[in-house]
Structure formats: C-alpha cells, structure tokens
Amino acid sequence: MISIPLAPIYVGMLIFLRVGLVFLFFPLFGERFVPVRVRLLLGLATAIVLTPVAPVAVAAFPVTPWEFVQLVLMEALLAFGVGIIGRVLFGVVQFSGQIAGEQMGFGLVNAIDPTGAQQISVVAELQYVLAILVFLAAELHHVFIGAIARSFEVLPPGGAVLNAGVVDFVMRLGHVLFLLSVQFAMPVIIIIFCINVALGMVARAVPQINVFMESFPLRIIAGVSMMMIMLSVSVGLWLGMFGDMEGMIGELMGLMRG
C-alpha cells in the first residue's frame, strides 16, 4: 500500500493560505479590478516555489483537525495583518487627499472609486492613483513580494501566535494613518487657511464684495498650485513611507512569533 506523506501537503496549504490571503488583502494586488482568480493563481504559484524551502515550526505532522484549524486561523490573521499594513500606507495618501480636497472646496465633488466601489474626493482618487504608479515605478512591489518570501524565515508555517502586542501594533497603525494624513495635507491646509484669513479681512474692509463666491476659485487655484509645487516632495515622502513597509511587516512577524 502506498503511503502519502501528509506533512508537505499541510505545509503547502499553510504557505498558500498566507500568500494567497496577502494577495487578496493587500492594495494593488487586492483591488476589485484584479480578478480573484488571478490573485489566487499568483498566490498558488508563489506557494509552489516556497514550499520546498520553507522551514516548518510545527513539531509534528500530521496534526489533529482542531489543531490544523487553529493553524489556519493564525495564518489568516497574519495575512490580514500584512494587508492592513498596506491598506494603512496607501490609506495615508488617500486620506490626505481627502482632507486637501475638502479644504479646496471639493467636499461635495466626489468620484466613484472603481478599486473600492465607494465615493471619494477627486483629489483623494488622484493621489491614490499616483501613489500606485510611484509604488510600481520604484519596483516596491518586488520588495513586498520579497518580504513575504522572507517572512517564512522569521515566522515559519504553523509558528504564528496571537498576543496583546499584535493588538497594540494594529492600534498604532490607526494612529499613524491619522497623523501622517494630516502632515501630508498640511501645506494645502496652511495655504487655504491664509486665503480664508485674507478674504475675511477683505470682507471686513469692503462688505460689498461677495467673498463667499470669490473664495471658491481662489481656494481651488491655490490648492492645486500648492499640490503641484509640493509634488516632488510628496513623492519623496511616499517613497520613504513605503520603504518602511518591509520593516513594519517584519515587526508584525516578530510580534506573532511570540
């Protein structure tokens, strides 16, 4: 009777689960315009390459069904955490554009985001698309895939655990999202504030001028001009933020290693 070793099958399933779910959750790979079949095939191809060389943290295979379910849940949580990191980093760019757009008067001018099937500011959508182009042009998607491959050295299949440090890490990501978004939008916020102060002084000095109507084109021109002036600086800040992605993924892996 031919006996089939189950350990490599279990390991391959865990690797495919981690990689496949990361591709499902992470921005760019996990957007709606990328078919689910393509994401799963990409995860399967990566898992096939990594399975022969990935270390195993489980002492004994095969495991009981309940133990395997626990391993599956931990790998799913790990992949979700990696996806959250990517969503936060790209969300910083998008949210800063949302803040800037509302300051410029685009609060009611929304566009349908085809990647998320939601209405967002046109400025936020523009910055999000630019961030994706910068991410691809800098070949950071290669860095991301390399980080996922190296994650099996830091945290082999079956080695993930959930602890309080992971929850604290996710909470800090929310803080980073809000703080960096405001910082990135600060140039537009400052210039619009100065324009509002100046228009307020004009309205006080010359009440006959309809300052409210005159403020719309001024805010749009000033905001767009400031964004164009700061574009090179913004791209540099985005690259620096995306460059920290590998370190953040490594920190998450270290926390879930226990």
Protein backbone atom coordinates (compact mmCIF):
# COMPACT_ATOMS: atom_id res chain seq x y z
CA MET A 1 0.00 0.00 0.00
CA ILE A 2 1.38 3.40 -0.99
CA SER A 3 1.51 5.92 1.85
CA ILE A 4 1.42 9.60 1.00
CA PRO A 5 3.25 11.87 3.46
CA LEU A 6 0.84 14.49 4.71
CA ALA A 7 3.37 16.89 6.23
CA PRO A 8 4.39 18.53 2.91
CA ILE A 9 0.72 18.87 1.98
CA TYR A 10 -0.09 20.61 5.27
CA VAL A 11 2.90 22.92 4.90
CA GLY A 12 1.99 23.76 1.31
CA MET A 13 -1.59 24.54 2.33
CA LEU A 14 -0.42 26.89 5.10
CA ILE A 15 2.02 28.64 2.76
CA PHE A 16 -0.65 29.04 0.08
CA LEU A 17 -3.07 30.34 2.71
CA ARG A 18 -0.65 33.01 3.91
CA VAL A 19 0.48 34.14 0.47
CA GLY A 20 -2.94 33.89 -1.15
CA LEU A 21 -4.71 35.88 1.54
CA VAL A 22 -1.97 38.52 1.50
CA PHE A 23 -2.59 39.00 -2.22
CA LEU A 24 -6.32 39.20 -1.50
CA PHE A 25 -6.00 41.83 1.25
CA PHE A 26 -3.06 43.97 0.11
CA PRO A 27 -3.71 47.09 -2.02
CA LEU A 28 -2.87 46.91 -5.71
CA PHE A 29 -2.98 43.10 -5.74
CA GLY A 30 -6.27 43.00 -3.85
CA GLU A 31 -8.20 45.65 -5.76
CA ARG A 32 -11.50 44.87 -7.41
CA PHE A 33 -10.11 45.34 -10.91
CA VAL A 34 -7.75 42.39 -10.31
CA PRO A 35 -9.78 39.18 -10.75
CA VAL A 36 -9.87 36.86 -7.76
CA ARG A 37 -8.70 34.02 -10.00
CA VAL A 38 -5.56 35.98 -10.88
CA ARG A 39 -4.83 36.69 -7.22
CA LEU A 40 -5.29 33.06 -6.25
CA LEU A 41 -3.14 31.83 -9.13
CA LEU A 42 -0.42 34.28 -8.15
CA GLY A 43 -0.59 33.05 -4.57
CA LEU A 44 -0.55 29.42 -5.71
CA ALA A 45 2.49 29.95 -7.93
CA THR A 46 4.36 31.68 -5.10
CA ALA A 47 3.40 28.91 -2.66
CA ILE A 48 4.64 26.20 -5.03
CA VAL A 49 8.01 27.96 -5.26
CA LEU A 50 8.33 28.48 -1.49
CA THR A 51 7.03 25.13 -0.20
CA PRO A 52 10.22 23.09 -0.80
CA VAL A 53 12.44 25.62 1.00
CA ALA A 54 10.20 26.98 3.76
CA PRO A 55 11.05 25.85 7.32
CA VAL A 56 8.31 24.35 9.47
CA ALA A 57 7.52 25.45 13.02
CA VAL A 58 5.09 22.63 13.80
CA ALA A 59 6.76 19.88 15.79
CA ALA A 60 4.70 17.01 14.49
CA PHE A 61 2.67 16.45 11.35
CA PRO A 62 0.01 15.37 10.75
CA VAL A 63 -1.93 17.29 13.40
CA THR A 64 -5.46 16.84 14.61
CA PRO A 65 -8.23 18.63 12.70
CA TRP A 66 -8.71 21.14 15.54
CA GLU A 67 -5.01 21.94 15.66
CA PHE A 68 -4.97 22.43 11.91
CA VAL A 69 -7.95 24.80 12.15
CA GLN A 70 -6.00 26.82 14.72
CA LEU A 71 -3.02 26.99 12.37
CA VAL A 72 -5.28 28.13 9.53
CA LEU A 73 -6.81 30.88 11.68
CA MET A 74 -3.39 32.15 12.76
CA GLU A 75 -2.12 32.24 9.18
CA ALA A 76 -5.28 34.07 8.10
CA LEU A 77 -4.82 36.65 10.88
CA LEU A 78 -1.19 37.09 9.88
CA ALA A 79 -2.11 37.67 6.23
CA PHE A 80 -4.85 40.07 7.28
CA GLY A 81 -2.32 42.00 9.39
CA VAL A 82 0.04 42.33 6.42
CA GLY A 83 -2.87 43.52 4.30
CA ILE A 84 -3.79 46.08 6.97
CA ILE A 85 -0.24 47.47 6.83
CA GLY A 86 -0.58 48.02 3.08
CA ARG A 87 -4.07 49.47 3.42
CA VAL A 88 -2.87 51.94 6.06
CA LEU A 89 0.11 53.10 3.98
CA PHE A 90 -1.98 53.66 0.87
CA GLY A 91 -4.81 54.98 3.03
CA VAL A 92 -2.50 57.72 4.31
CA VAL A 93 -2.09 59.02 0.76
CA GLN A 94 -5.78 58.73 0.01
CA PHE A 95 -6.97 60.27 3.28
CA SER A 96 -4.54 63.19 2.95
CA GLY A 97 -6.00 63.83 -0.50
CA GLN A 98 -9.48 63.69 1.02
CA ILE A 99 -8.51 66.32 3.60
CA ALA A 100 -6.87 68.54 0.98
CA GLY A 101 -9.85 68.20 -1.35
CA GLU A 102 -12.31 69.27 1.31
CA GLN A 103 -10.15 72.27 2.16
CA MET A 104 -10.14 73.26 -1.51
CA GLY A 105 -13.92 73.04 -1.73
CA PHE A 106 -14.23 69.61 -3.32
CA GLY A 107 -16.11 68.15 -0.37
CA LEU A 108 -19.26 67.70 -2.46
CA VAL A 109 -17.45 66.78 -5.68
CA ASN A 110 -16.91 63.06 -5.35
CA ALA A 111 -15.98 60.37 -7.83
CA ILE A 112 -16.70 56.67 -7.85
CA ASP A 113 -13.57 54.81 -6.84
CA PRO A 114 -13.52 51.72 -9.10
CA THR A 115 -11.00 49.98 -6.84
CA GLY A 116 -13.17 50.21 -3.74
CA ALA A 117 -16.66 50.82 -5.14
CA GLN A 118 -17.09 53.92 -2.98
CA GLN A 119 -17.40 57.67 -3.41
CA ILE A 120 -14.28 59.65 -2.55
CA SER A 121 -12.91 63.09 -3.34
CA VAL A 122 -11.42 63.53 -6.79
CA VAL A 123 -8.21 64.74 -5.14
CA ALA A 124 -8.06 61.61 -2.98
CA GLU A 125 -8.57 59.40 -6.04
CA LEU A 126 -5.88 61.30 -7.96
CA GLN A 127 -3.36 60.90 -5.14
CA TYR A 128 -4.21 57.22 -4.71
CA VAL A 129 -3.59 56.51 -8.40
CA LEU A 130 -0.33 58.49 -8.27
CA ALA A 131 0.75 56.51 -5.21
CA ILE A 132 0.14 53.23 -7.04
CA LEU A 133 2.18 54.46 -10.01
CA VAL A 134 5.02 55.56 -7.71
CA PHE A 135 4.87 52.19 -5.92
CA LEU A 136 5.20 50.33 -9.22
CA ALA A 137 7.78 52.67 -10.76
CA ALA A 138 10.04 52.28 -7.72
CA GLU A 139 9.64 48.47 -8.00
CA LEU A 140 8.45 48.33 -4.41
CA HIS A 141 6.10 45.52 -5.35
CA HIS A 142 9.26 43.40 -5.73
CA VAL A 143 10.29 44.45 -2.23
CA PHE A 144 6.87 43.48 -0.94
CA ILE A 145 6.92 40.03 -2.53
CA GLY A 146 10.48 39.52 -1.25
CA ALA A 147 9.35 40.47 2.25
CA ILE A 148 6.57 37.89 2.10
CA ALA A 149 9.05 35.24 0.96
CA ARG A 150 11.48 36.13 3.78
CA SER A 151 8.63 36.08 6.27
CA PHE A 152 8.79 32.29 6.27
CA GLU A 153 12.31 32.51 7.68
CA VAL A 154 11.17 34.76 10.52
CA LEU A 155 7.85 33.05 11.10
CA PRO A 156 7.63 29.55 9.57
CA PRO A 157 4.24 27.99 8.75
CA GLY A 158 2.50 26.99 11.95
CA GLY A 159 4.51 29.33 14.16
CA ALA A 160 2.11 32.28 14.43
CA VAL A 161 0.51 33.14 17.77
CA LEU A 162 -1.83 35.97 18.78
CA ASN A 163 -0.89 38.18 21.72
CA ALA A 164 -1.51 41.64 23.14
CA GLY A 165 1.44 43.08 21.24
CA VAL A 166 -0.33 42.44 17.94
CA VAL A 167 -3.41 44.36 19.08
CA ASP A 168 -1.23 47.27 20.20
CA PHE A 169 0.53 47.21 16.81
CA VAL A 170 -2.78 47.48 14.95
CA MET A 171 -3.85 50.37 17.18
CA ARG A 172 -0.60 52.19 16.41
CA LEU A 173 -1.30 51.77 12.70
CA GLY A 174 -4.53 53.72 13.15
CA HIS A 175 -2.58 56.50 14.87
CA VAL A 176 -0.07 56.53 12.01
CA LEU A 177 -2.90 56.77 9.45
CA PHE A 178 -4.37 59.91 11.00
CA LEU A 179 -1.08 61.61 11.90
CA LEU A 180 0.64 61.16 8.53
CA SER A 181 -2.51 62.07 6.60
CA VAL A 182 -2.73 65.43 8.35
CA GLN A 183 1.01 66.04 7.89
CA PHE A 184 0.87 65.29 4.16
CA ALA A 185 -2.13 67.60 3.72
CA MET A 186 -0.66 70.37 5.89
CA PRO A 187 0.72 72.55 3.00
CA VAL A 188 -2.74 72.79 1.45
CA ILE A 189 -4.35 73.34 4.86
CA ILE A 190 -1.97 76.22 5.60
CA ILE A 191 -2.39 77.98 2.24
CA ILE A 192 -6.19 77.67 2.38
CA PHE A 193 -6.17 79.00 5.95
CA CYS A 194 -4.14 82.03 4.85
CA ILE A 195 -6.56 82.66 1.97
CA ASN A 196 -9.56 82.44 4.31
CA VAL A 197 -7.94 84.91 6.71
CA ALA A 198 -7.18 87.31 3.85
CA LEU A 199 -10.71 87.03 2.48
CA GLY A 200 -12.11 87.64 5.93
CA MET A 201 -10.11 90.86 6.16
CA VAL A 202 -11.34 91.90 2.70
CA ALA A 203 -14.95 91.19 3.68
CA ARG A 204 -14.48 93.28 6.78
CA ALA A 205 -12.99 96.18 4.85
CA VAL A 206 -15.26 96.01 1.78
CA PRO A 207 -18.61 94.42 2.70
CA GLN A 208 -19.94 94.91 -0.85
CA ILE A 209 -17.68 92.17 -2.22
CA ASN A 210 -19.25 88.71 -2.31
CA VAL A 211 -16.31 86.98 -0.63
CA PHE A 212 -18.10 83.65 -0.42
CA MET A 213 -18.40 83.29 -4.19
CA GLU A 214 -14.92 84.65 -4.85
CA SER A 215 -13.35 82.18 -2.42
CA PHE A 216 -14.14 79.07 -4.48
CA PRO A 217 -11.85 79.70 -7.47
CA LEU A 218 -9.14 81.16 -5.23
CA ARG A 219 -9.07 78.10 -2.98
CA ILE A 220 -9.03 75.71 -5.93
CA ILE A 221 -6.24 77.58 -7.73
CA ALA A 222 -4.17 77.92 -4.55
CA GLY A 223 -4.70 74.31 -3.50
CA VAL A 224 -3.88 72.83 -6.90
CA SER A 225 -0.85 75.09 -7.24
CA MET A 226 0.45 74.05 -3.83
CA MET A 227 -0.04 70.37 -4.67
CA MET A 228 1.91 70.81 -7.92
CA ILE A 229 4.71 72.66 -6.14
CA MET A 230 4.90 70.01 -3.41
CA LEU A 231 4.55 67.04 -5.78
CA SER A 232 8.23 66.10 -5.80
CA VAL A 233 8.38 66.44 -2.02
CA SER A 234 5.21 64.36 -1.65
CA VAL A 235 6.60 61.60 -3.86
CA GLY A 236 9.75 61.50 -1.74
CA LEU A 237 7.66 61.24 1.42
CA TRP A 238 5.56 58.47 -0.12
CA LEU A 239 8.68 56.53 -1.08
CA GLY A 240 10.05 56.91 2.44
CA MET A 241 6.78 55.70 3.91
CA PHE A 242 6.55 52.74 1.52
CA GLY A 243 10.19 51.97 2.28
CA ASP A 244 9.21 51.35 5.91
CA MET A 245 6.73 48.69 4.79
CA GLU A 246 9.23 45.82 4.97
CA GLY A 247 10.24 46.82 8.49
CA MET A 248 6.61 47.02 9.60
CA ILE A 249 5.90 43.57 8.17
CA GLY A 250 8.98 42.25 9.98
CA GLU A 251 7.78 43.83 13.23
CA LEU A 252 4.39 42.16 12.86
CA MET A 253 6.07 38.81 12.19
CA GLY A 254 8.22 39.23 15.28
CA LEU A 255 5.19 40.00 17.44
CA MET A 256 3.24 37.00 16.17
CA ARG A 257 6.24 34.76 16.71
CA GLY A 258 5.67 35.20 20.43
